[in-house]
Amino acid sequence: MVVGAFPIAKLLYLGVRQMSKPVANRIKAGARRSEFFKNYVCLPPAQLYHWIEMRTKMRIMGFRGAAIKPLNEEAAADLGAELVGEAIIFLVGGACLVLEYSRQTANSRRKEEELNKNISDLQTQLGEVRLEMEILDTRLKEVNRVLMAIPAPSGK
C-alpha cells in the first residue's frame, strides 16, 4: 500500500475546494460589474429563484393566485451572483467527490484483480503439486511392484 499518495490526493482535493471559494467570490464580483454577465447569467436564475421562493411561501400561508413582483435589478444581481458563486462551490465539491469515488473504485478494482491473480496462481501451483503427487504415487507403486517381484532369499 502506498502511504504517501493517499494524503497527497486528499490534500489536492482540499486545496481545489479551498481555491474554489476565492474564485467564486471573484466571479461574483465580476458579475456585479459586467452588464452582460449580470443581465444574462445572474438575473434570470435570481428572478426564477425569487419567483419559486415567493410562490412557495404564498402557498404555505394560504394565498393562492397572488401576483409576485420581480426583484429590482440590484437585488436580483446580488442574489444571482450569490447563486452563481454557491453553484460553483457546489460543483467543485461534487467534482471532488466524484474524483475521490473513482479513485477509490480504481484502487479496490486493482486490489481485487491482484487478489484474483494470486488465487489463480495458487490454483495453478496446487494443480502442479497434485500432478507431481500422482507421478510420485505411480513411481511408489512401481517400486513396490518391483520389490514384490524380487524372490525372497532362502534361509539356508
N, C-alpha and C. Protein backbone atom coordinates (compact mmCIF):
# COMPACT_ATOMS: atom_id res chain seq x y z
N MET A 1 0.85 -1.18 0.00
CA MET A 1 0.00 0.00 0.00
C MET A 1 0.89 1.24 0.00
N VAL A 2 0.58 2.19 -0.83
CA VAL A 2 1.35 3.42 -0.94
C VAL A 2 0.79 4.42 0.07
N VAL A 3 1.56 4.70 1.10
CA VAL A 3 1.09 5.60 2.15
C VAL A 3 1.19 7.05 1.72
N GLY A 4 2.21 7.41 0.95
CA GLY A 4 2.43 8.81 0.57
C GLY A 4 1.40 9.36 -0.40
N ALA A 5 0.86 8.53 -1.26
CA ALA A 5 -0.08 9.01 -2.29
C ALA A 5 -1.43 9.37 -1.70
N PHE A 6 -1.86 8.66 -0.67
CA PHE A 6 -3.19 8.88 -0.11
C PHE A 6 -3.34 10.29 0.46
N PRO A 7 -2.46 10.77 1.35
CA PRO A 7 -2.63 12.14 1.86
C PRO A 7 -2.44 13.21 0.79
N ILE A 8 -1.60 12.96 -0.19
CA ILE A 8 -1.37 13.95 -1.23
C ILE A 8 -2.64 14.15 -2.05
N ALA A 9 -3.34 13.06 -2.37
CA ALA A 9 -4.59 13.18 -3.13
C ALA A 9 -5.63 13.93 -2.31
N LYS A 10 -5.73 13.61 -1.03
CA LYS A 10 -6.69 14.29 -0.16
C LYS A 10 -6.34 15.77 -0.06
N LEU A 11 -5.06 16.06 0.08
CA LEU A 11 -4.61 17.44 0.17
C LEU A 11 -4.91 18.20 -1.12
N LEU A 12 -4.72 17.54 -2.24
CA LEU A 12 -5.02 18.16 -3.53
C LEU A 12 -6.51 18.50 -3.64
N TYR A 13 -7.37 17.56 -3.27
CA TYR A 13 -8.81 17.81 -3.31
C TYR A 13 -9.19 18.96 -2.38
N LEU A 14 -8.61 18.96 -1.18
CA LEU A 14 -8.91 20.03 -0.24
C LEU A 14 -8.44 21.37 -0.78
N GLY A 15 -7.27 21.39 -1.41
CA GLY A 15 -6.77 22.63 -2.00
C GLY A 15 -7.67 23.14 -3.11
N VAL A 16 -8.16 22.24 -3.95
CA VAL A 16 -9.06 22.65 -5.03
C VAL A 16 -10.34 23.22 -4.45
N ARG A 17 -10.87 22.59 -3.42
CA ARG A 17 -12.10 23.09 -2.81
C ARG A 17 -11.87 24.45 -2.17
N GLN A 18 -10.74 24.62 -1.52
CA GLN A 18 -10.45 25.92 -0.88
C GLN A 18 -10.23 27.00 -1.93
N MET A 19 -9.63 26.62 -3.06
CA MET A 19 -9.41 27.59 -4.13
C MET A 19 -10.72 27.99 -4.80
N SER A 20 -11.71 27.12 -4.75
CA SER A 20 -12.97 27.42 -5.43
C SER A 20 -13.70 28.58 -4.76
N LYS A 21 -13.51 28.75 -3.46
CA LYS A 21 -14.21 29.84 -2.76
C LYS A 21 -13.74 31.22 -3.24
N PRO A 22 -12.42 31.50 -3.27
CA PRO A 22 -12.00 32.79 -3.79
C PRO A 22 -12.34 32.99 -5.27
N VAL A 23 -12.27 31.90 -6.04
CA VAL A 23 -12.63 32.00 -7.45
C VAL A 23 -14.11 32.36 -7.58
N ALA A 24 -14.94 31.73 -6.77
CA ALA A 24 -16.38 32.05 -6.79
C ALA A 24 -16.61 33.50 -6.37
N ASN A 25 -15.87 33.97 -5.38
CA ASN A 25 -16.01 35.37 -4.95
C ASN A 25 -15.60 36.33 -6.06
N ARG A 26 -14.55 35.98 -6.80
CA ARG A 26 -14.13 36.83 -7.92
C ARG A 26 -15.18 36.86 -9.02
N ILE A 27 -15.75 35.69 -9.28
CA ILE A 27 -16.79 35.63 -10.30
C ILE A 27 -18.00 36.45 -9.86
N LYS A 28 -18.31 36.38 -8.58
CA LYS A 28 -19.44 37.18 -8.07
C LYS A 28 -19.15 38.67 -8.24
N ALA A 29 -17.93 39.08 -7.93
CA ALA A 29 -17.57 40.49 -8.09
C ALA A 29 -17.62 40.89 -9.56
N GLY A 30 -17.14 40.03 -10.43
CA GLY A 30 -17.19 40.30 -11.87
C GLY A 30 -18.62 40.36 -12.37
N ALA A 31 -19.47 39.54 -11.80
CA ALA A 31 -20.87 39.52 -12.22
C ALA A 31 -21.55 40.84 -11.85
N ARG A 32 -21.16 41.40 -10.76
CA ARG A 32 -21.76 42.67 -10.34
C ARG A 32 -21.30 43.82 -11.24
N ARG A 33 -20.10 43.70 -11.80
CA ARG A 33 -19.56 44.77 -12.65
C ARG A 33 -19.96 44.64 -14.11
N SER A 34 -20.01 43.45 -14.63
CA SER A 34 -20.26 43.23 -16.06
C SER A 34 -21.76 43.24 -16.35
N GLU A 35 -22.17 44.08 -17.26
CA GLU A 35 -23.59 44.17 -17.63
C GLU A 35 -24.06 42.89 -18.33
N PHE A 36 -23.23 42.37 -19.24
CA PHE A 36 -23.60 41.15 -19.96
C PHE A 36 -23.81 40.00 -18.98
N PHE A 37 -22.82 39.80 -18.10
CA PHE A 37 -22.88 38.71 -17.14
C PHE A 37 -24.06 38.91 -16.20
N LYS A 38 -24.27 40.16 -15.81
CA LYS A 38 -25.38 40.45 -14.89
C LYS A 38 -26.72 40.15 -15.56
N ASN A 39 -26.91 40.63 -16.80
CA ASN A 39 -28.20 40.51 -17.47
C ASN A 39 -28.51 39.09 -17.95
N TYR A 40 -27.49 38.34 -18.38
CA TYR A 40 -27.77 37.04 -18.99
C TYR A 40 -27.41 35.84 -18.12
N VAL A 41 -26.60 36.06 -17.07
CA VAL A 41 -26.21 34.94 -16.23
C VAL A 41 -26.80 35.07 -14.82
N CYS A 42 -26.76 36.26 -14.25
CA CYS A 42 -27.20 36.44 -12.87
C CYS A 42 -28.70 36.70 -12.71
N LEU A 43 -29.24 37.58 -13.52
CA LEU A 43 -30.64 37.99 -13.33
C LEU A 43 -31.65 36.86 -13.57
N PRO A 44 -31.56 36.09 -14.65
CA PRO A 44 -32.59 35.06 -14.85
C PRO A 44 -32.69 34.02 -13.72
N PRO A 45 -31.57 33.44 -13.24
CA PRO A 45 -31.73 32.48 -12.14
C PRO A 45 -32.20 33.15 -10.85
N ALA A 46 -31.79 34.40 -10.63
CA ALA A 46 -32.21 35.10 -9.41
C ALA A 46 -33.71 35.36 -9.44
N GLN A 47 -34.22 35.79 -10.58
CA GLN A 47 -35.66 36.05 -10.69
C GLN A 47 -36.44 34.74 -10.56
N LEU A 48 -35.94 33.67 -11.16
CA LEU A 48 -36.60 32.37 -11.05
C LEU A 48 -36.60 31.90 -9.60
N TYR A 49 -35.46 32.01 -8.94
CA TYR A 49 -35.35 31.62 -7.53
C TYR A 49 -36.32 32.43 -6.68
N HIS A 50 -36.37 33.74 -6.91
CA HIS A 50 -37.27 34.62 -6.16
C HIS A 50 -38.72 34.22 -6.41
N TRP A 51 -39.07 33.96 -7.67
CA TRP A 51 -40.44 33.60 -8.01
C TRP A 51 -40.84 32.28 -7.32
N ILE A 52 -39.95 31.27 -7.37
CA ILE A 52 -40.25 29.97 -6.74
C ILE A 52 -40.36 30.13 -5.23
N GLU A 53 -39.45 30.87 -4.64
CA GLU A 53 -39.45 31.07 -3.19
C GLU A 53 -40.73 31.78 -2.74
N MET A 54 -41.08 32.86 -3.42
CA MET A 54 -42.27 33.63 -3.03
C MET A 54 -43.54 32.82 -3.29
N ARG A 55 -43.58 32.10 -4.38
CA ARG A 55 -44.75 31.28 -4.69
C ARG A 55 -44.96 30.22 -3.62
N THR A 56 -43.87 29.60 -3.19
CA THR A 56 -43.95 28.58 -2.15
C THR A 56 -44.42 29.20 -0.83
N LYS A 57 -43.85 30.33 -0.45
CA LYS A 57 -44.25 30.99 0.78
C LYS A 57 -45.72 31.39 0.74
N MET A 58 -46.16 31.91 -0.40
CA MET A 58 -47.56 32.33 -0.52
C MET A 58 -48.50 31.12 -0.39
N ARG A 59 -48.13 30.02 -0.99
CA ARG A 59 -48.98 28.83 -0.89
C ARG A 59 -49.01 28.28 0.53
N ILE A 60 -47.87 28.33 1.21
CA ILE A 60 -47.83 27.87 2.59
C ILE A 60 -48.74 28.73 3.47
N MET A 61 -48.75 30.03 3.22
CA MET A 61 -49.57 30.94 4.02
C MET A 61 -51.03 30.95 3.56
N GLY A 62 -51.35 30.28 2.47
CA GLY A 62 -52.72 30.17 2.03
C GLY A 62 -53.15 31.17 0.97
N PHE A 63 -52.25 31.97 0.44
CA PHE A 63 -52.59 32.92 -0.61
C PHE A 63 -52.41 32.24 -1.96
N ARG A 64 -53.50 32.11 -2.68
CA ARG A 64 -53.43 31.47 -3.98
C ARG A 64 -53.65 32.53 -5.06
N GLY A 65 -52.85 32.44 -6.12
CA GLY A 65 -53.04 33.32 -7.26
C GLY A 65 -52.58 34.75 -7.06
N ALA A 66 -51.85 35.01 -6.01
CA ALA A 66 -51.35 36.37 -5.80
C ALA A 66 -50.20 36.64 -6.77
N ALA A 67 -50.18 37.82 -7.33
CA ALA A 67 -49.11 38.19 -8.27
C ALA A 67 -47.82 38.43 -7.51
N ILE A 68 -46.72 37.96 -8.09
CA ILE A 68 -45.41 38.11 -7.46
C ILE A 68 -44.62 39.12 -8.27
N LYS A 69 -44.20 40.18 -7.60
CA LYS A 69 -43.42 41.21 -8.29
C LYS A 69 -41.97 40.75 -8.38
N PRO A 70 -41.33 41.01 -9.51
CA PRO A 70 -39.92 40.63 -9.64
C PRO A 70 -39.03 41.51 -8.75
N LEU A 71 -37.86 40.98 -8.44
CA LEU A 71 -36.88 41.74 -7.66
C LEU A 71 -36.37 42.92 -8.48
N ASN A 72 -35.94 43.97 -7.77
CA ASN A 72 -35.30 45.06 -8.52
C ASN A 72 -33.95 44.58 -9.04
N GLU A 73 -33.40 45.28 -9.99
CA GLU A 73 -32.21 44.82 -10.70
C GLU A 73 -31.01 44.63 -9.78
N GLU A 74 -30.82 45.54 -8.85
CA GLU A 74 -29.66 45.45 -7.95
C GLU A 74 -29.77 44.23 -7.03
N ALA A 75 -30.94 44.02 -6.44
CA ALA A 75 -31.13 42.88 -5.55
C ALA A 75 -31.03 41.57 -6.34
N ALA A 76 -31.59 41.57 -7.54
CA ALA A 76 -31.52 40.37 -8.37
C ALA A 76 -30.08 40.08 -8.78
N ALA A 77 -29.31 41.12 -9.09
CA ALA A 77 -27.90 40.90 -9.46
C ALA A 77 -27.12 40.33 -8.29
N ASP A 78 -27.36 40.85 -7.08
CA ASP A 78 -26.67 40.32 -5.90
C ASP A 78 -27.07 38.87 -5.63
N LEU A 79 -28.39 38.61 -5.69
CA LEU A 79 -28.85 37.24 -5.46
C LEU A 79 -28.32 36.30 -6.54
N GLY A 80 -28.34 36.73 -7.79
CA GLY A 80 -27.83 35.90 -8.88
C GLY A 80 -26.34 35.63 -8.74
N ALA A 81 -25.58 36.65 -8.33
CA ALA A 81 -24.15 36.45 -8.12
C ALA A 81 -23.91 35.46 -6.99
N GLU A 82 -24.70 35.56 -5.92
CA GLU A 82 -24.58 34.60 -4.81
C GLU A 82 -24.91 33.19 -5.29
N LEU A 83 -25.97 33.07 -6.07
CA LEU A 83 -26.36 31.75 -6.60
C LEU A 83 -25.27 31.16 -7.48
N VAL A 84 -24.69 31.99 -8.34
CA VAL A 84 -23.61 31.52 -9.22
C VAL A 84 -22.40 31.09 -8.39
N GLY A 85 -22.04 31.90 -7.39
CA GLY A 85 -20.91 31.55 -6.53
C GLY A 85 -21.15 30.25 -5.77
N GLU A 86 -22.34 30.09 -5.21
CA GLU A 86 -22.65 28.86 -4.48
C GLU A 86 -22.69 27.66 -5.43
N ALA A 87 -23.19 27.87 -6.64
CA ALA A 87 -23.22 26.78 -7.62
C ALA A 87 -21.80 26.33 -7.98
N ILE A 88 -20.90 27.29 -8.10
CA ILE A 88 -19.50 26.94 -8.42
C ILE A 88 -18.90 26.13 -7.29
N ILE A 89 -19.09 26.58 -6.05
CA ILE A 89 -18.55 25.85 -4.90
C ILE A 89 -19.16 24.45 -4.83
N PHE A 90 -20.47 24.36 -5.06
CA PHE A 90 -21.16 23.06 -5.04
C PHE A 90 -20.62 22.15 -6.14
N LEU A 91 -20.44 22.67 -7.33
CA LEU A 91 -19.94 21.86 -8.44
C LEU A 91 -18.51 21.38 -8.20
N VAL A 92 -17.67 22.24 -7.65
CA VAL A 92 -16.29 21.83 -7.34
C VAL A 92 -16.30 20.75 -6.27
N GLY A 93 -17.12 20.93 -5.24
CA GLY A 93 -17.23 19.90 -4.20
C GLY A 93 -17.74 18.59 -4.77
N GLY A 94 -18.74 18.66 -5.63
CA GLY A 94 -19.27 17.45 -6.27
C GLY A 94 -18.23 16.78 -7.14
N ALA A 95 -17.47 17.58 -7.87
CA ALA A 95 -16.42 17.02 -8.73
C ALA A 95 -15.36 16.33 -7.87
N CYS A 96 -15.03 16.93 -6.73
CA CYS A 96 -14.06 16.29 -5.82
C CYS A 96 -14.60 14.95 -5.31
N LEU A 97 -15.89 14.92 -5.00
CA LEU A 97 -16.49 13.66 -4.54
C LEU A 97 -16.44 12.60 -5.64
N VAL A 98 -16.76 12.99 -6.85
CA VAL A 98 -16.75 12.04 -7.96
C VAL A 98 -15.33 11.54 -8.21
N LEU A 99 -14.35 12.45 -8.17
CA LEU A 99 -12.96 12.03 -8.38
C LEU A 99 -12.49 11.09 -7.27
N GLU A 100 -12.85 11.40 -6.03
CA GLU A 100 -12.46 10.53 -4.91
C GLU A 100 -13.12 9.16 -5.04
N TYR A 101 -14.39 9.15 -5.43
CA TYR A 101 -15.10 7.88 -5.62
C TYR A 101 -14.44 7.06 -6.72
N SER A 102 -14.12 7.70 -7.83
CA SER A 102 -13.49 6.96 -8.93
C SER A 102 -12.10 6.47 -8.54
N ARG A 103 -11.38 7.26 -7.76
CA ARG A 103 -10.06 6.83 -7.29
C ARG A 103 -10.19 5.61 -6.38
N GLN A 104 -11.14 5.66 -5.44
CA GLN A 104 -11.35 4.53 -4.53
C GLN A 104 -11.80 3.29 -5.29
N THR A 105 -12.66 3.49 -6.29
CA THR A 105 -13.13 2.37 -7.10
C THR A 105 -11.96 1.73 -7.86
N ALA A 106 -11.10 2.57 -8.43
CA ALA A 106 -9.94 2.05 -9.15
C ALA A 106 -9.01 1.29 -8.21
N ASN A 107 -8.82 1.83 -7.01
CA ASN A 107 -7.96 1.14 -6.03
C ASN A 107 -8.55 -0.22 -5.65
N SER A 108 -9.85 -0.26 -5.38
CA SER A 108 -10.45 -1.54 -4.98
C SER A 108 -10.46 -2.52 -6.16
N ARG A 109 -10.65 -2.02 -7.38
CA ARG A 109 -10.60 -2.89 -8.55
C ARG A 109 -9.19 -3.46 -8.73
N ARG A 110 -8.18 -2.61 -8.51
CA ARG A 110 -6.81 -3.08 -8.64
C ARG A 110 -6.50 -4.14 -7.58
N LYS A 111 -6.96 -3.92 -6.35
CA LYS A 111 -6.72 -4.90 -5.29
C LYS A 111 -7.45 -6.21 -5.58
N GLU A 112 -8.66 -6.11 -6.11
CA GLU A 112 -9.42 -7.32 -6.44
C GLU A 112 -8.74 -8.09 -7.56
N GLU A 113 -8.24 -7.39 -8.57
CA GLU A 113 -7.53 -8.06 -9.66
C GLU A 113 -6.27 -8.74 -9.15
N GLU A 114 -5.56 -8.07 -8.24
CA GLU A 114 -4.35 -8.65 -7.66
C GLU A 114 -4.69 -9.90 -6.86
N LEU A 115 -5.79 -9.83 -6.09
CA LEU A 115 -6.22 -10.98 -5.31
C LEU A 115 -6.63 -12.14 -6.23
N ASN A 116 -7.36 -11.84 -7.30
CA ASN A 116 -7.75 -12.88 -8.26
C ASN A 116 -6.53 -13.51 -8.92
N LYS A 117 -5.51 -12.70 -9.22
CA LYS A 117 -4.29 -13.23 -9.81
C LYS A 117 -3.59 -14.16 -8.83
N ASN A 118 -3.53 -13.75 -7.55
CA ASN A 118 -2.90 -14.60 -6.54
C ASN A 118 -3.65 -15.92 -6.39
N ILE A 119 -4.98 -15.86 -6.39
CA ILE A 119 -5.78 -17.08 -6.28
C ILE A 119 -5.53 -17.98 -7.48
N SER A 120 -5.49 -17.39 -8.66
CA SER A 120 -5.22 -18.17 -9.88
C SER A 120 -3.85 -18.82 -9.82
N ASP A 121 -2.85 -18.06 -9.36
CA ASP A 121 -1.50 -18.63 -9.23
C ASP A 121 -1.48 -19.78 -8.24
N LEU A 122 -2.18 -19.62 -7.13
CA LEU A 122 -2.23 -20.68 -6.12
C LEU A 122 -2.94 -21.92 -6.67
N GLN A 123 -4.00 -21.72 -7.45
CA GLN A 123 -4.70 -22.86 -8.04
C GLN A 123 -3.80 -23.58 -9.04
N THR A 124 -3.02 -22.82 -9.80
CA THR A 124 -2.07 -23.43 -10.75
C THR A 124 -1.03 -24.24 -9.99
N GLN A 125 -0.49 -23.67 -8.92
CA GLN A 125 0.51 -24.38 -8.12
C GLN A 125 -0.08 -25.64 -7.49
N LEU A 126 -1.34 -25.55 -7.03
CA LEU A 126 -2.00 -26.70 -6.44
C LEU A 126 -2.16 -27.81 -7.49
N GLY A 127 -2.52 -27.44 -8.71
CA GLY A 127 -2.63 -28.43 -9.78
C GLY A 127 -1.29 -29.09 -10.07
N GLU A 128 -0.22 -28.28 -10.06
CA GLU A 128 1.12 -28.84 -10.30
C GLU A 128 1.51 -29.79 -9.18
N VAL A 129 1.20 -29.44 -7.94
CA VAL A 129 1.53 -30.31 -6.80
C VAL A 129 0.74 -31.61 -6.90
N ARG A 130 -0.53 -31.54 -7.29
CA ARG A 130 -1.34 -32.76 -7.45
C ARG A 130 -0.74 -33.66 -8.53
N LEU A 131 -0.34 -33.04 -9.64
CA LEU A 131 0.26 -33.82 -10.73
C LEU A 131 1.56 -34.48 -10.25
N GLU A 132 2.38 -33.73 -9.54
CA GLU A 132 3.64 -34.28 -9.01
C GLU A 132 3.35 -35.41 -8.02
N MET A 133 2.30 -35.23 -7.22
CA MET A 133 1.94 -36.27 -6.26
C MET A 133 1.47 -37.54 -6.98
N GLU A 134 0.72 -37.39 -8.05
CA GLU A 134 0.29 -38.56 -8.82
C GLU A 134 1.48 -39.27 -9.44
N ILE A 135 2.44 -38.48 -9.94
CA ILE A 135 3.65 -39.08 -10.53
C ILE A 135 4.43 -39.85 -9.47
N LEU A 136 4.58 -39.25 -8.30
CA LEU A 136 5.31 -39.92 -7.21
C LEU A 136 4.56 -41.16 -6.74
N ASP A 137 3.23 -41.06 -6.67
CA ASP A 137 2.42 -42.21 -6.26
C ASP A 137 2.58 -43.36 -7.26
N THR A 138 2.61 -43.02 -8.56
CA THR A 138 2.80 -44.03 -9.60
C THR A 138 4.19 -44.67 -9.46
N ARG A 139 5.20 -43.85 -9.20
CA ARG A 139 6.56 -44.39 -9.02
C ARG A 139 6.63 -45.29 -7.80
N LEU A 140 5.96 -44.89 -6.72
CA LEU A 140 5.96 -45.70 -5.49
C LEU A 140 5.30 -47.06 -5.75
N LYS A 141 4.21 -47.05 -6.48
CA LYS A 141 3.54 -48.32 -6.81
C LYS A 141 4.45 -49.20 -7.66
N GLU A 142 5.18 -48.55 -8.59
CA GLU A 142 6.10 -49.31 -9.45
C GLU A 142 7.23 -49.90 -8.61
N VAL A 143 7.76 -49.12 -7.66
CA VAL A 143 8.84 -49.62 -6.80
C VAL A 143 8.30 -50.77 -5.95
N ASN A 144 7.10 -50.65 -5.41
CA ASN A 144 6.51 -51.73 -4.61
C ASN A 144 6.30 -52.98 -5.46
N ARG A 145 5.85 -52.80 -6.71
CA ARG A 145 5.64 -53.93 -7.60
C ARG A 145 6.97 -54.64 -7.87
N VAL A 146 8.02 -53.86 -8.12
CA VAL A 146 9.34 -54.45 -8.38
C VAL A 146 9.85 -55.17 -7.14
N LEU A 147 9.62 -54.55 -5.96
CA LEU A 147 10.09 -55.21 -4.74
C LEU A 147 9.34 -56.51 -4.48
N MET A 148 8.09 -56.53 -4.81
CA MET A 148 7.29 -57.75 -4.60
C MET A 148 7.71 -58.84 -5.60
N ALA A 149 8.21 -58.42 -6.74
CA ALA A 149 8.61 -59.39 -7.75
C ALA A 149 9.96 -60.04 -7.43
N ILE A 150 10.73 -59.42 -6.59
CA ILE A 150 12.04 -59.99 -6.22
C ILE A 150 11.78 -61.19 -5.28
N PRO A 151 12.41 -62.33 -5.62
CA PRO A 151 12.18 -63.51 -4.77
C PRO A 151 12.84 -63.30 -3.39
N ALA A 152 12.20 -63.81 -2.43
CA ALA A 152 12.71 -63.71 -1.06
C ALA A 152 13.93 -64.63 -0.92
N PRO A 153 14.98 -64.20 -0.24
CA PRO A 153 16.17 -65.07 -0.08
C PRO A 153 15.80 -66.31 0.74
N SER A 154 16.38 -67.40 0.33
CA SER A 154 16.11 -68.63 1.06
C SER A 154 16.99 -68.71 2.30
N GLY A 155 16.48 -69.21 3.33
CA GLY A 155 17.16 -69.19 4.61
C GLY A 155 18.06 -70.38 4.81
N LYS A 156 19.05 -70.74 4.05
CA LYS A 156 19.94 -71.89 4.19
C LYS A 156 20.93 -71.70 5.24
